[in-house]
Protein backbone atom coordinates (compact mmCIF):
# COMPACT_ATOMS: atom_id res chain seq x y z
CA MET A 1 -79.70 -81.46 -93.92
CA GLN A 2 -79.64 -79.51 -97.14
CA LEU A 3 -80.95 -81.14 -100.30
CA SER A 4 -78.73 -80.81 -103.35
CA ASP A 5 -79.18 -81.73 -107.12
CA LEU A 6 -77.94 -85.04 -108.18
CA PRO A 7 -76.40 -84.67 -111.62
CA SER A 8 -78.12 -86.39 -114.56
CA GLY A 9 -76.42 -88.32 -117.42
CA GLY A 10 -76.86 -87.72 -121.12
CA GLY A 11 -79.07 -84.67 -120.59
CA SER A 12 -82.27 -86.74 -120.52
CA THR A 13 -82.63 -87.50 -116.66
CA PRO A 14 -84.10 -84.84 -114.55
CA SER A 15 -82.23 -83.86 -111.38
CA ILE A 16 -83.25 -85.36 -108.07
CA LYS A 17 -82.87 -83.78 -104.64
CA PHE A 18 -80.56 -85.89 -102.48
CA ILE A 19 -78.69 -85.74 -99.21
CA GLU A 20 -75.00 -86.53 -98.83
CA GLU A 21 -72.77 -87.59 -95.93
CA LEU A 22 -69.23 -88.75 -95.85
CA ALA A 23 -67.29 -90.86 -93.29
CA ILE A 24 -63.69 -91.87 -92.95
CA ILE A 25 -62.83 -94.98 -90.98
CA ILE A 26 -59.21 -95.65 -89.84
CA THR A 27 -58.23 -98.89 -87.98
CA ALA A 28 -55.02 -99.09 -85.89
CA LYS A 29 -53.78 -101.51 -83.37
CA ASN A 30 -52.80 -98.90 -80.84
CA LEU A 31 -55.76 -96.65 -80.95
CA THR A 32 -57.56 -96.09 -77.72
CA PRO A 33 -60.63 -93.88 -77.08
CA THR A 34 -59.19 -92.08 -74.10
CA MET A 35 -56.64 -90.35 -76.39
CA MET A 36 -59.42 -88.62 -78.30
CA SER A 37 -60.07 -85.78 -75.81
CA GLN A 38 -60.91 -82.31 -77.21
CA ASP A 39 -57.79 -80.94 -75.54
CA PHE A 40 -55.58 -83.50 -77.19
CA LEU A 41 -57.10 -82.99 -80.61
CA LYS A 42 -56.72 -79.17 -80.37
CA PHE A 43 -53.32 -78.95 -78.77
CA SER A 44 -51.81 -81.50 -81.25
CA GLY A 45 -53.17 -79.50 -84.14
CA ILE A 46 -55.46 -82.22 -85.38
CA VAL A 47 -58.53 -79.96 -85.21
CA PRO A 48 -58.53 -76.14 -85.26
CA GLN A 49 -58.41 -74.34 -81.95
CA ASN A 50 -61.64 -72.40 -82.75
CA TRP A 51 -63.93 -75.39 -83.21
CA GLN A 52 -66.72 -75.56 -80.65
CA LEU A 53 -68.51 -78.66 -79.42
CA ALA A 54 -72.25 -78.95 -80.17
CA GLN A 55 -72.87 -81.03 -77.00
CA GLN A 56 -71.11 -82.61 -74.08
CA PRO A 57 -68.50 -85.08 -75.26
CA ILE A 58 -68.29 -88.66 -74.29
CA LEU A 59 -64.93 -89.95 -73.16
CA ASN A 60 -64.40 -93.37 -71.54
CA PRO A 61 -62.08 -96.42 -72.17
CA ASN A 62 -64.58 -97.97 -74.63
CA LEU A 63 -66.00 -94.91 -76.53
CA ALA A 64 -65.06 -91.28 -77.34
CA GLN A 65 -67.37 -89.21 -79.21
CA LEU A 66 -67.12 -85.36 -80.03
CA ASN A 67 -69.72 -83.66 -82.09
CA PHE A 68 -68.72 -80.13 -83.33
CA GLN A 69 -71.01 -77.31 -84.28
CA ASN A 70 -69.76 -77.34 -87.87
CA GLY A 71 -71.20 -80.83 -88.41
CA VAL A 72 -67.96 -82.90 -87.96
CA SER A 73 -68.23 -85.87 -85.65
CA ILE A 74 -65.32 -87.82 -84.32
CA THR A 75 -65.94 -91.21 -82.77
CA ALA A 76 -63.31 -93.57 -81.38
CA GLN A 77 -63.62 -97.19 -80.19
CA PRO A 78 -60.73 -99.50 -79.36
CA GLY A 79 -58.91 -100.02 -82.63
CA THR A 80 -61.15 -97.74 -84.75
CA LEU A 81 -61.44 -94.02 -85.48
CA SER A 82 -64.53 -92.69 -87.36
CA LEU A 83 -64.77 -89.20 -88.76
CA SER A 84 -68.16 -88.16 -90.31
CA GLU A 85 -69.56 -84.97 -91.79
CA SER A 86 -72.69 -83.98 -93.78
CA LEU A 87 -72.21 -81.96 -96.78
CA ASN A 88 -75.14 -79.56 -96.33
CA ASN A 89 -74.21 -76.43 -98.27
CA LYS A 90 -70.46 -77.28 -98.29
CA THR A 91 -68.42 -78.07 -101.44
CA LEU A 92 -66.02 -81.00 -101.36
CA GLN A 93 -63.16 -78.54 -100.90
CA GLU A 94 -64.79 -77.28 -97.66
CA LEU A 95 -65.14 -80.56 -95.94
CA SER A 96 -62.89 -81.04 -92.91
CA ILE A 97 -62.64 -84.80 -92.20
CA ALA A 98 -59.94 -85.62 -94.73
CA PRO A 99 -57.54 -82.91 -93.44
CA ILE A 100 -58.27 -84.09 -89.89
CA ALA A 101 -57.50 -87.67 -90.98
CA ARG A 102 -54.18 -86.52 -92.56
CA GLN A 103 -53.16 -84.50 -89.37
CA TYR A 104 -54.04 -87.54 -87.18
CA VAL A 105 -51.71 -89.86 -89.19
CA GLU A 106 -48.96 -87.29 -89.22
CA LYS A 107 -49.11 -86.68 -85.43
CA LEU A 108 -49.47 -90.38 -84.54
CA PRO A 109 -47.34 -92.36 -86.96
CA HIS A 110 -46.69 -95.19 -84.64
CA ALA A 111 -50.33 -96.36 -84.22
CA GLU A 112 -49.72 -99.56 -86.18
CA TYR A 113 -52.38 -98.76 -88.85
CA GLN A 114 -54.27 -101.69 -90.28
CA GLY A 115 -56.99 -100.30 -92.64
CA PHE A 116 -58.65 -97.30 -94.24
CA SER A 117 -62.12 -96.88 -95.76
CA LEU A 118 -64.02 -94.02 -97.27
CA ASN A 119 -67.80 -94.34 -96.68
CA PRO A 120 -70.05 -92.06 -98.76
CA LYS A 121 -73.85 -92.03 -98.47
CA ILE A 122 -76.38 -90.62 -100.74
CA VAL A 123 -79.98 -90.52 -99.62
CA VAL A 124 -82.54 -90.02 -102.39
CA PRO A 125 -85.99 -88.93 -100.95
CA ILE A 126 -88.98 -89.75 -103.01
CA PRO A 127 -91.66 -87.44 -101.62
CA ASP A 128 -94.44 -87.74 -104.08
CA ASN A 129 -94.89 -91.41 -104.57
CA PRO A 130 -93.45 -93.92 -102.02
CA ALA A 131 -94.59 -96.86 -104.09
CA ALA A 132 -91.96 -95.89 -106.62
CA ILE A 133 -89.26 -97.19 -104.19
CA ARG A 134 -90.74 -100.72 -104.14
CA TYR A 135 -91.19 -100.64 -107.88
CA TYR A 136 -87.53 -99.50 -108.31
CA PHE A 137 -86.28 -102.55 -106.34
CA THR A 138 -88.47 -105.07 -107.87
CA GLN A 139 -88.41 -103.85 -111.57
CA SER A 140 -85.17 -101.96 -111.94
CA LEU A 141 -82.61 -103.72 -109.64
CA LEU A 142 -84.04 -107.16 -109.37
CA ASN A 143 -85.41 -109.60 -112.02
CA GLN A 144 -88.97 -110.67 -111.92
CA GLY A 145 -89.58 -114.13 -110.39
CA SER A 146 -92.00 -116.13 -108.36
CA TRP A 147 -89.87 -115.32 -105.34
CA GLN A 148 -91.60 -111.89 -105.30
CA ASP A 149 -95.10 -113.50 -105.08
CA ILE A 150 -95.07 -114.59 -101.60
CA GLY A 151 -98.04 -113.59 -99.28
CA ARG A 152 -99.07 -110.14 -100.27
CA GLY A 153 -95.91 -109.46 -102.03
CA LEU A 154 -92.35 -108.05 -101.36
CA ILE A 155 -92.46 -105.24 -98.96
CA GLN A 156 -88.79 -104.27 -98.44
CA ALA A 157 -85.52 -105.22 -100.05
CA ASN A 158 -81.84 -104.54 -99.37
CA ILE A 159 -79.10 -105.18 -101.92
CA ASN A 160 -75.36 -105.58 -101.24
CA LEU A 161 -72.87 -105.42 -104.18
CA LEU A 162 -69.07 -105.83 -104.19
CA TYR A 163 -66.83 -104.47 -106.97
CA GLN A 164 -63.09 -104.70 -107.50
CA LEU A 165 -61.71 -101.28 -108.65
CA GLU A 166 -58.22 -100.72 -109.86
CA LYS A 167 -56.95 -99.44 -106.51
CA CYS A 168 -59.40 -100.76 -103.97
CA GLN A 169 -62.64 -102.77 -103.34
CA LEU A 170 -65.90 -100.96 -103.43
CA SER A 171 -69.02 -102.29 -101.76
CA ILE A 172 -72.41 -100.64 -102.26
CA SER A 173 -75.48 -101.18 -100.20
CA ILE A 174 -78.95 -100.14 -101.49
CA SER A 175 -81.78 -100.12 -99.03
CA GLN A 176 -85.05 -98.40 -98.32
CA ALA A 177 -84.96 -95.65 -95.66
CA THR A 178 -87.28 -93.26 -93.80
CA LEU A 179 -86.40 -89.72 -92.99
CA GLN A 180 -88.27 -88.17 -90.01
CA ALA A 181 -88.12 -84.44 -89.11
CA PRO A 182 -89.85 -83.05 -86.01
CA GLN A 183 -93.54 -82.13 -86.73
CA GLN A 184 -93.46 -83.56 -90.24
CA ASN A 185 -94.66 -86.72 -91.89
CA PRO A 186 -92.11 -89.45 -92.63
CA LEU A 187 -90.31 -89.09 -95.94
CA PHE A 188 -89.60 -92.35 -97.79
CA ALA A 189 -86.16 -92.56 -99.46
CA VAL A 190 -83.59 -94.87 -101.12
CA LEU A 191 -80.16 -95.06 -99.34
CA PHE A 192 -76.92 -95.72 -101.30
CA ALA A 193 -74.09 -96.48 -98.89
CA GLY A 194 -70.59 -96.99 -100.32
CA ASN A 195 -67.40 -98.37 -98.89
CA PHE A 196 -64.05 -97.74 -100.58
CA ASN A 197 -61.86 -100.31 -98.71
CA TYR A 198 -58.15 -99.82 -98.96
CA ASN A 199 -55.41 -102.33 -98.00
CA VAL A 200 -52.75 -100.14 -96.35
CA VAL A 201 -50.62 -102.77 -94.48
CA ALA A 202 -47.12 -103.00 -95.92
CA ASN A 203 -43.72 -104.47 -95.12
CA ASN A 204 -42.78 -101.72 -92.74
CA GLN A 205 -44.25 -98.68 -90.91
CA GLN A 206 -43.16 -96.07 -93.43
CA GLN A 207 -44.72 -97.95 -96.35
CA THR A 208 -48.03 -98.33 -94.41
CA ILE A 209 -48.05 -94.66 -93.67
CA ASN A 210 -47.48 -93.90 -97.35
CA HIS A 211 -50.24 -96.24 -98.55
CA LEU A 212 -52.56 -94.60 -95.90
CA ALA A 213 -51.64 -91.12 -97.02
CA GLN A 214 -52.28 -92.13 -100.74
CA ALA A 215 -55.68 -93.45 -99.74
CA ILE A 216 -56.68 -90.31 -97.87
CA HIS A 217 -55.45 -88.19 -100.75
CA SER A 218 -57.81 -90.12 -103.08
CA TRP A 219 -60.98 -89.18 -101.22
CA GLN A 220 -62.32 -86.58 -103.52
CA ASP A 221 -61.79 -88.74 -106.62
CA ASP A 222 -63.53 -91.64 -104.79
CA PHE A 223 -66.44 -89.54 -103.65
CA LYS A 224 -66.98 -88.13 -107.21
CA THR A 225 -66.78 -91.79 -108.49
CA PHE A 226 -69.47 -92.72 -106.07
CA ARG A 227 -71.65 -89.83 -107.22
CA GLU A 228 -71.30 -90.83 -110.77
CA ILE A 229 -72.07 -94.40 -110.12
CA VAL A 230 -75.32 -93.59 -108.21
CA SER A 231 -76.35 -91.07 -110.74
CA TYR A 232 -75.47 -92.84 -114.09
CA LYS A 233 -75.63 -96.49 -113.10
CA PHE A 234 -78.48 -96.69 -110.62
CA LEU A 235 -80.71 -93.65 -111.09
CA GLU A 236 -80.49 -92.73 -114.78
CA GLN A 237 -83.72 -94.01 -116.57
CA SER A 238 -84.63 -95.88 -113.31
CA TYR A 239 -88.20 -96.44 -112.09
CA LEU A 240 -87.65 -93.80 -109.45
CA LEU A 241 -87.96 -91.18 -112.18
CA GLN A 242 -90.78 -92.80 -114.26
CA PRO A 243 -94.62 -93.05 -113.85
CA ILE A 244 -95.52 -96.10 -111.78
CA PRO A 245 -98.17 -98.55 -113.08
CA GLU A 246 -101.52 -98.24 -111.29
CA SER A 247 -101.29 -101.82 -110.04
CA MET A 248 -98.10 -100.94 -108.03
CA ILE A 249 -99.67 -98.04 -106.18
CA PHE A 250 -100.77 -98.87 -102.67
CA PRO A 251 -99.74 -97.66 -99.18
CA MET A 252 -96.31 -98.90 -98.12
CA ASN A 253 -95.79 -100.35 -94.68
CA THR A 254 -93.60 -98.38 -92.34
CA LEU A 255 -89.97 -99.18 -93.10
């Protein structure tokens, strides 16, 4: 995946290279995986006719999975449709999964929709000093305490946060990650995974469809909000961007 520059706040924070992915999750009572064939998606106009599969699709009563050459992945399980896409060199306007989600809802309005979530991910690789990741968790995100002084010390931490926004709930999970490319050494990173969770259920089908359409329409604003939160709230002036004390520098265990 292509690395991009994460914007900095206040003009004082250097940019960091990062990786972005986006997923849209739609839940519906009458959604079955066997409906998600390539022929159905193309003939109904949900995906363009010229899209080509990157590999053989999976299609059975419990799982449908189609991976396209442009980086779009469509996965269906009973009651759940997941659309995912990596940004790579794409702009937000060039991403395809939101238009696909809109087309799906328009073509299948009677699916008894139950929920919608936008799930962005930002991966921040730290190639020069993996000890910075541990220091970031223990010194920037968490308060010092004796709970850190167990055995040889804390090796790994995951943090889950839940916020109430004006129009939906936002959960953010922050965890350590390892990126592995063929013929290359592992690259340690911090993963920020977001979930904008919308309540779309209403008094009747048309209201539910309207709420779902509004949630899909908000995807760019939500994604930009997540970018800003990660950049300005979690990374600006963080220990990921500062020199690490000598006492903290030691080989990290494999994550």
